[in-house]
Amino acid sequence: MMKQFWIFVKKEWLHILRDRRTLLILFGMPIAQILIFGFALSNEVKNSKIAVLDHANDDVSRKLIERIEASKYFEITKILYNDSDIDPAFKQGAIRLALVLPASMSEDLHHQNDLRVQLISDASDPNVGTTLVNYMSSIINDYQNELIALNKLPFTIKPEVRMIYNPQLKAAYNFVPGVMAMVLLLICSLMTSIAIVREKEMGTMEVLLVSPLKPALVVISKTIPYLVLSFINICSILLLSYFVLNVPVKGNLFLLLAEGILFIITSLSLGMFVSSIAATQTAAMFGTLVGLFMPTLMFSGFMFPVDNMPIPLQWLSNVIPSKWFFNIVKAIMIKGLGFSAIWKETLILFGMTCMLFIISIRKFDKRLSL
């Protein structure tokens, strides 16, 4: 009995050692999870890009700016010179917070003992916006205590906070774009890959290929229903967000729908790519859920700010289509921006679509010729 038991144990060992995919899952996934959870998934906001508008340009303002630069939480990427430069910097996505220092900074401190500085934060992501304001307020408060200790005067520096894009700090303003990107990517890619693989697995794909249509058209014809259903999903999400969650569409609705259709086609192309390399429905489902769901959740900026991650993971996030669509939806729906603000993201999605479609069709034709 024990001898047979150890024979089965030995056999199982041989199966595992011969299956490279199993070894990759057994050893690669724990390593990946440790690295991701250890470095990428953090609620702490660090190295956030900010702008400073220094009307005073004196010793007091420069010392405060130096203290901010020394902090690990902020990176001053823009020095502004006019109030009119603040709004374009936010619209370009170059900064997340702006600090405005008044021209009468020294006079307010030494004569009135009361200084008010302005903090302008991008609240399209309310959690990040609030966190940045709290961090900056803490730095200003520490600077105030330092001045009090040196001068022994009751200085008071009061930040005047203004949240733009989402003054009420509603979580739905960040939740709706993220859910839209996640739902569309999973539905389109998962259903398309399973539908095509099912035909190959059941042997009915050969029946379809004897028709006058070219193989590429046969595959594309199977994606059309999912294109229509996914467009209906976009409409339903927008209706629910407007009437139930009170999230308005501040930008052009037709531009938002057009970008949604582009992302649907990108996701369908991704599903075609998965189906071209998967042999069974189980493999297609597993590859789609594990290969797309987790990266979408972690690297799109929906749950965790991409700026917090190490540089290699930030580069990795650029290959996730949902990251670019998430930025597009936030720009149009929440910030009310036009095509000039999202042309780069649109071009990237279009390039991904073309690349995935060409690769999928070539791999599909190659497998049929075998």
Protein backbone atom coordinates (compact mmCIF):
# COMPACT_ATOMS: atom_id res chain seq x y z
CA MET A 1 0.00 0.00 0.00
CA MET A 2 2.71 2.49 1.01
CA LYS A 3 4.79 1.52 -2.01
CA GLN A 4 1.92 2.32 -4.37
CA PHE A 5 1.37 5.56 -2.51
CA TRP A 6 4.94 6.69 -3.10
CA ILE A 7 4.72 5.65 -6.76
CA PHE A 8 1.77 8.04 -7.19
CA VAL A 9 3.70 10.75 -5.36
CA LYS A 10 6.67 10.23 -7.68
CA LYS A 11 4.38 10.31 -10.73
CA GLU A 12 2.86 13.60 -9.60
CA TRP A 13 6.29 15.07 -9.12
CA LEU A 14 7.26 14.06 -12.65
CA HIS A 15 4.08 15.67 -14.07
CA ILE A 16 4.80 18.92 -12.27
CA LEU A 17 8.46 19.04 -13.27
CA ARG A 18 7.60 18.37 -16.92
CA ASP A 19 4.90 21.08 -17.04
CA ARG A 20 6.65 24.43 -17.32
CA ARG A 21 3.40 26.37 -17.06
CA THR A 22 2.64 24.76 -13.71
CA LEU A 23 6.13 25.58 -12.48
CA LEU A 24 5.69 29.16 -13.59
CA ILE A 25 2.44 29.43 -11.65
CA LEU A 26 3.89 27.73 -8.57
CA PHE A 27 7.02 29.85 -8.39
CA GLY A 28 6.30 32.92 -10.51
CA MET A 29 2.97 33.93 -8.98
CA PRO A 30 4.15 34.08 -5.34
CA ILE A 31 7.16 36.17 -6.37
CA ALA A 32 4.98 38.49 -8.46
CA GLN A 33 2.43 38.87 -5.65
CA ILE A 34 5.12 39.70 -3.09
CA LEU A 35 6.66 42.33 -5.37
CA ILE A 36 3.33 43.86 -6.30
CA PHE A 37 1.90 43.97 -2.80
CA GLY A 38 5.21 45.07 -1.35
CA PHE A 39 5.91 47.96 -3.72
CA ALA A 40 2.94 48.82 -5.94
CA LEU A 41 -0.12 48.55 -3.70
CA SER A 42 0.23 51.41 -1.26
CA ASN A 43 -2.34 53.89 -0.04
CA GLU A 44 0.43 56.38 0.69
CA VAL A 45 0.75 59.15 -1.89
CA LYS A 46 4.37 59.93 -2.79
CA ASN A 47 6.24 61.96 -5.39
CA SER A 48 3.11 63.79 -6.50
CA LYS A 49 3.73 66.43 -9.14
CA ILE A 50 2.81 69.93 -7.97
CA ALA A 51 3.19 73.52 -9.13
CA VAL A 52 4.15 76.61 -7.13
CA LEU A 53 3.05 80.16 -7.88
CA ASP A 54 5.27 82.41 -5.73
CA HIS A 55 4.05 86.00 -5.85
CA ALA A 56 6.27 86.97 -2.89
CA ASN A 57 9.64 85.55 -4.02
CA ASP A 58 11.27 86.44 -0.69
CA ASP A 59 13.17 84.56 2.00
CA VAL A 60 10.01 83.38 3.75
CA SER A 61 8.49 81.89 0.59
CA ARG A 62 11.77 80.36 -0.57
CA LYS A 63 12.30 78.59 2.77
CA LEU A 64 8.79 77.16 2.60
CA ILE A 65 9.39 75.95 -0.96
CA GLU A 66 12.68 74.36 0.09
CA ARG A 67 10.89 72.51 2.88
CA ILE A 68 8.32 71.22 0.38
CA GLU A 69 11.05 70.12 -2.04
CA ALA A 70 12.74 68.17 0.75
CA SER A 71 9.56 66.20 1.36
CA LYS A 72 9.18 62.75 -0.21
CA TYR A 73 5.51 63.43 -0.89
CA PHE A 74 5.88 66.20 -3.46
CA GLU A 75 7.87 66.90 -6.59
CA ILE A 76 7.75 70.48 -7.82
CA THR A 77 7.59 70.09 -11.59
CA LYS A 78 6.26 73.54 -12.54
CA ILE A 79 7.07 77.04 -11.38
CA LEU A 80 4.17 79.29 -12.40
CA TYR A 81 4.26 83.03 -12.86
CA ASN A 82 0.62 83.97 -13.38
CA ASP A 83 -2.70 82.83 -11.97
CA SER A 84 -3.86 82.08 -15.51
CA ASP A 85 -1.21 79.32 -15.77
CA ILE A 86 -2.82 77.20 -13.03
CA ASP A 87 -5.84 75.91 -14.94
CA PRO A 88 -3.89 74.83 -18.07
CA ALA A 89 -1.42 72.93 -15.88
CA PHE A 90 -4.28 70.92 -14.37
CA LYS A 91 -5.91 70.32 -17.75
CA GLN A 92 -2.66 68.97 -19.18
CA GLY A 93 -2.49 66.50 -16.31
CA ALA A 94 0.97 67.83 -15.41
CA ILE A 95 0.18 68.50 -11.73
CA ARG A 96 -2.12 67.30 -8.98
CA LEU A 97 -1.84 70.28 -6.65
CA ALA A 98 -0.91 73.94 -6.90
CA LEU A 99 0.43 76.11 -4.07
CA VAL A 100 -0.17 79.86 -4.40
CA LEU A 101 1.86 82.15 -2.13
CA PRO A 102 0.66 85.79 -1.77
CA ALA A 103 2.84 88.77 -2.60
CA SER A 104 2.41 90.18 0.92
CA MET A 105 3.71 87.03 2.58
CA SER A 106 6.40 88.59 4.78
CA GLU A 107 4.28 91.59 5.66
CA ASP A 108 1.33 89.42 6.65
CA LEU A 109 3.57 87.36 8.92
CA HIS A 110 5.53 90.13 10.63
CA HIS A 111 2.85 92.81 10.90
CA GLN A 112 -0.49 91.04 10.94
CA ASN A 113 0.75 87.70 12.27
CA ASP A 114 -1.70 86.03 9.91
CA LEU A 115 -0.78 84.49 6.56
CA ARG A 116 -3.13 82.78 4.14
CA VAL A 117 -1.83 80.59 1.34
CA GLN A 118 -3.96 78.87 -1.28
CA LEU A 119 -3.96 75.15 -2.06
CA ILE A 120 -5.65 74.08 -5.30
CA SER A 121 -6.05 70.31 -5.59
CA ASP A 122 -7.30 68.02 -8.35
CA ALA A 123 -10.23 66.25 -6.66
CA SER A 124 -11.23 64.06 -9.61
CA ASP A 125 -9.71 61.37 -7.39
CA PRO A 126 -11.06 62.54 -4.01
CA ASN A 127 -8.87 60.28 -1.87
CA VAL A 128 -5.65 61.44 -3.49
CA GLY A 129 -6.81 65.08 -3.56
CA THR A 130 -7.63 65.08 0.17
CA THR A 131 -4.41 63.27 1.05
CA LEU A 132 -2.27 65.79 -0.83
CA VAL A 133 -3.99 68.70 0.89
CA ASN A 134 -3.42 67.08 4.28
CA TYR A 135 0.26 66.47 3.51
CA MET A 136 0.79 70.04 2.37
CA SER A 137 -1.11 71.46 5.34
CA SER A 138 1.12 69.42 7.66
CA ILE A 139 4.28 70.80 6.03
CA ILE A 140 2.96 74.35 6.31
CA ASN A 141 2.04 73.77 9.95
CA ASP A 142 5.56 72.51 10.71
CA TYR A 143 7.01 75.58 9.01
CA GLN A 144 4.74 77.79 11.10
CA ASN A 145 5.92 76.13 14.33
CA GLU A 146 9.52 76.68 13.25
CA LEU A 147 8.90 80.40 12.73
CA ILE A 148 7.17 80.69 16.09
CA ALA A 149 10.12 79.05 17.82
CA LEU A 150 12.62 81.38 16.15
CA ASN A 151 10.70 84.64 16.50
CA LYS A 152 8.59 83.87 19.58
CA LEU A 153 5.60 85.50 17.93
CA PRO A 154 2.14 83.99 17.42
CA PHE A 155 2.39 83.46 13.67
CA THR A 156 -0.58 81.84 11.96
CA ILE A 157 -0.45 80.40 8.46
CA LYS A 158 -3.85 79.29 7.23
CA PRO A 159 -4.15 77.30 3.98
CA GLU A 160 -7.20 78.19 1.91
CA VAL A 161 -8.18 74.97 0.14
CA ARG A 162 -10.08 74.82 -3.14
CA MET A 163 -10.99 71.45 -4.64
CA ILE A 164 -11.55 71.52 -8.40
CA TYR A 165 -13.48 69.08 -10.61
CA ASN A 166 -15.04 67.39 -7.56
CA PRO A 167 -15.69 69.91 -4.76
CA GLN A 168 -17.94 67.50 -2.83
CA LEU A 169 -15.17 64.83 -2.85
CA LYS A 170 -17.58 62.14 -4.05
CA ALA A 171 -15.94 58.76 -4.49
CA ALA A 172 -18.25 58.04 -7.43
CA TYR A 173 -16.30 60.54 -9.54
CA ASN A 174 -13.37 58.11 -9.49
CA PHE A 175 -15.46 54.94 -9.22
CA VAL A 176 -17.50 55.35 -12.41
CA PRO A 177 -14.57 55.73 -14.88
CA GLY A 178 -12.76 52.82 -13.24
CA VAL A 179 -15.75 50.50 -13.35
CA MET A 180 -16.45 51.43 -16.96
CA ALA A 181 -12.90 50.55 -17.99
CA MET A 182 -12.90 47.30 -16.03
CA VAL A 183 -16.33 46.07 -17.14
CA LEU A 184 -15.78 46.78 -20.82
CA LEU A 185 -12.34 45.17 -20.89
CA LEU A 186 -13.44 42.00 -19.12
CA ILE A 187 -16.75 41.52 -20.93
CA CYS A 188 -15.36 42.15 -24.40
CA SER A 189 -12.14 40.19 -24.08
CA LEU A 190 -13.56 37.32 -22.02
CA MET A 191 -16.67 36.68 -24.06
CA THR A 192 -14.87 37.05 -27.40
CA SER A 193 -12.05 34.70 -26.48
CA ILE A 194 -14.43 32.05 -25.10
CA ALA A 195 -16.76 32.28 -28.09
CA ILE A 196 -13.97 31.71 -30.62
CA VAL A 197 -12.19 29.02 -28.61
CA ARG A 198 -15.50 27.20 -28.12
CA GLU A 199 -15.87 26.87 -31.87
CA LYS A 200 -12.37 25.46 -32.20
CA GLU A 201 -12.77 23.15 -29.21
CA MET A 202 -16.06 21.70 -30.48
CA GLY A 203 -14.73 21.34 -34.02
CA THR A 204 -17.36 23.62 -35.53
CA MET A 205 -14.88 26.27 -36.60
CA GLU A 206 -13.93 24.15 -39.63
CA VAL A 207 -17.60 24.15 -40.66
CA LEU A 208 -17.68 27.93 -40.54
CA LEU A 209 -14.48 28.23 -42.54
CA VAL A 210 -15.87 26.38 -45.56
CA SER A 211 -18.11 29.40 -46.20
CA PRO A 212 -17.07 31.96 -48.85
CA LEU A 213 -15.98 34.36 -46.11
CA LYS A 214 -12.30 34.72 -45.36
CA PRO A 215 -11.15 33.42 -41.94
CA ALA A 216 -10.53 36.96 -40.70
CA LEU A 217 -14.09 37.96 -41.50
CA VAL A 218 -15.42 34.85 -39.80
CA VAL A 219 -13.63 35.83 -36.61
CA ILE A 220 -14.70 39.47 -36.86
CA SER A 221 -18.32 38.44 -37.38
CA LYS A 222 -18.29 36.77 -34.00
CA THR A 223 -17.22 40.01 -32.30
CA ILE A 224 -19.97 42.22 -33.70
CA PRO A 225 -22.65 41.16 -31.15
CA TYR A 226 -20.25 41.88 -28.31
CA LEU A 227 -19.56 45.31 -29.76
CA VAL A 228 -23.27 46.13 -29.65
CA LEU A 229 -23.78 44.68 -26.18
CA SER A 230 -20.78 46.54 -24.83
CA PHE A 231 -22.03 49.83 -26.26
CA ILE A 232 -25.31 49.21 -24.44
CA ASN A 233 -23.26 48.67 -21.29
CA ILE A 234 -21.64 52.08 -21.75
CA CYS A 235 -25.03 53.74 -22.07
CA SER A 236 -26.42 51.97 -19.02
CA ILE A 237 -23.35 52.89 -16.91
CA LEU A 238 -23.64 56.54 -17.92
CA LEU A 239 -27.38 56.60 -17.17
CA LEU A 240 -26.87 55.03 -13.76
CA SER A 241 -24.00 57.36 -12.93
CA TYR A 242 -26.06 60.42 -13.88
CA PHE A 243 -29.43 59.55 -12.35
CA VAL A 244 -28.38 57.39 -9.42
CA LEU A 245 -24.89 58.54 -8.45
CA ASN A 246 -25.32 62.18 -9.55
CA VAL A 247 -22.12 62.11 -11.59
CA PRO A 248 -22.55 64.47 -14.56
CA VAL A 249 -20.89 64.25 -17.96
CA LYS A 250 -19.14 67.63 -18.04
CA GLY A 251 -17.56 67.13 -21.46
CA ASN A 252 -18.86 66.17 -24.89
CA LEU A 253 -21.11 63.11 -24.63
CA PHE A 254 -20.57 62.07 -28.26
CA LEU A 255 -16.79 62.26 -27.81
CA LEU A 256 -17.11 60.06 -24.73
CA LEU A 257 -19.22 57.50 -26.61
CA ALA A 258 -16.78 57.52 -29.55
CA GLU A 259 -13.85 56.88 -27.20
CA GLY A 260 -15.92 54.12 -25.59
CA ILE A 261 -16.40 52.43 -28.96
CA LEU A 262 -12.65 52.65 -29.61
CA PHE A 263 -11.92 50.99 -26.26
CA ILE A 264 -14.51 48.28 -26.98
CA ILE A 265 -12.76 47.48 -30.27
CA THR A 266 -9.42 47.42 -28.41
CA SER A 267 -10.85 44.95 -25.89
CA LEU A 268 -12.36 42.80 -28.65
CA SER A 269 -8.98 42.68 -30.36
CA LEU A 270 -7.43 41.63 -27.07
CA GLY A 271 -10.00 38.83 -26.79
CA MET A 272 -9.14 37.71 -30.31
CA PHE A 273 -5.48 37.61 -29.35
CA VAL A 274 -6.23 35.44 -26.30
CA SER A 275 -8.34 33.08 -28.44
CA SER A 276 -5.51 32.74 -30.97
CA ILE A 277 -3.16 31.29 -28.36
CA ALA A 278 -5.63 29.43 -26.08
CA ALA A 279 -6.52 25.84 -26.91
CA THR A 280 -9.46 25.39 -24.50
CA GLN A 281 -12.21 27.52 -23.02
CA THR A 282 -10.73 27.02 -19.56
CA ALA A 283 -7.37 28.35 -20.72
CA ALA A 284 -9.05 31.33 -22.39
CA MET A 285 -11.07 32.13 -19.27
CA PHE A 286 -8.09 31.72 -16.96
CA GLY A 287 -5.83 33.80 -19.17
CA THR A 288 -8.40 36.57 -19.48
CA LEU A 289 -9.32 36.78 -15.82
CA VAL A 290 -5.81 36.47 -14.41
CA GLY A 291 -4.01 38.25 -17.24
CA LEU A 292 -6.41 41.17 -17.53
CA PHE A 293 -8.50 41.54 -14.37
CA MET A 294 -5.63 41.86 -11.89
CA PRO A 295 -3.50 44.22 -14.05
CA THR A 296 -6.59 46.35 -14.70
CA LEU A 297 -7.36 46.54 -11.01
CA MET A 298 -3.82 47.38 -9.94
CA PHE A 299 -2.15 49.26 -12.79
CA SER A 300 -4.91 51.36 -14.36
CA GLY A 301 -4.86 54.02 -11.63
CA PHE A 302 -8.38 53.07 -10.56
CA MET A 303 -7.54 51.58 -7.15
CA PHE A 304 -3.95 52.69 -6.61
CA PRO A 305 -2.16 55.80 -7.94
CA VAL A 306 0.37 54.82 -10.60
CA ASP A 307 2.71 57.61 -9.45
CA ASN A 308 3.25 55.74 -6.18
CA MET A 309 4.72 52.71 -7.92
CA PRO A 310 8.39 52.07 -8.76
CA ILE A 311 9.51 53.19 -12.20
CA PRO A 312 9.50 49.64 -13.72
CA LEU A 313 5.88 49.14 -12.66
CA GLN A 314 4.94 52.55 -14.04
CA TRP A 315 6.39 51.44 -17.39
CA LEU A 316 4.45 48.20 -17.11
CA SER A 317 1.21 50.10 -16.57
CA ASN A 318 1.59 51.70 -20.01
CA VAL A 319 0.75 48.39 -21.73
CA ILE A 320 -2.59 48.12 -19.88
CA PRO A 321 -5.32 49.48 -22.23
CA SER A 322 -7.69 50.27 -19.36
CA LYS A 323 -5.19 52.79 -17.94
CA TRP A 324 -5.51 54.98 -21.01
CA PHE A 325 -9.29 54.64 -21.21
CA PHE A 326 -9.59 55.43 -17.49
CA ASN A 327 -7.67 58.67 -18.09
CA ILE A 328 -9.84 59.47 -21.11
CA VAL A 329 -13.12 59.02 -19.22
CA LYS A 330 -11.92 61.13 -16.30
CA ALA A 331 -10.76 63.89 -18.65
CA ILE A 332 -14.05 64.05 -20.58
CA MET A 333 -16.61 63.09 -17.96
CA ILE A 334 -15.17 64.62 -14.79
CA LYS A 335 -12.93 67.46 -16.00
CA GLY A 336 -14.96 68.45 -19.06
CA LEU A 337 -11.96 68.50 -21.41
CA GLY A 338 -12.00 68.05 -25.17
CA PHE A 339 -10.10 65.96 -27.69
CA SER A 340 -7.02 68.17 -27.47
CA ALA A 341 -6.44 66.87 -23.93
CA ILE A 342 -6.80 63.16 -24.78
CA TRP A 343 -5.35 62.82 -28.28
CA LYS A 344 -2.27 60.99 -26.96
CA GLU A 345 -4.35 58.39 -25.07
CA THR A 346 -6.59 57.98 -28.11
CA LEU A 347 -3.61 57.41 -30.40
CA ILE A 348 -2.17 54.82 -28.00
CA LEU A 349 -5.46 52.88 -27.87
CA PHE A 350 -5.73 53.00 -31.66
CA GLY A 351 -2.18 51.69 -32.02
CA MET A 352 -2.86 48.87 -29.54
CA THR A 353 -5.99 47.91 -31.47
CA CYS A 354 -4.20 47.70 -34.80
CA MET A 355 -1.30 45.73 -33.35
CA LEU A 356 -3.51 43.21 -31.50
CA PHE A 357 -5.79 42.75 -34.51
CA ILE A 358 -2.94 42.10 -36.95
CA ILE A 359 -1.17 39.67 -34.60
CA SER A 360 -4.41 37.80 -33.83
CA ILE A 361 -5.36 37.34 -37.49
CA ARG A 362 -1.87 36.17 -38.44
CA LYS A 363 -1.72 33.67 -35.59
CA PHE A 364 -5.21 32.46 -36.42
CA ASP A 365 -4.36 31.91 -40.08
CA LYS A 366 -1.13 30.16 -39.12
CA ARG A 367 -2.95 27.71 -36.81
CA LEU A 368 -5.51 26.92 -39.52
CA SER A 369 -2.78 26.10 -42.02
CA LEU A 370 -1.24 23.48 -39.70
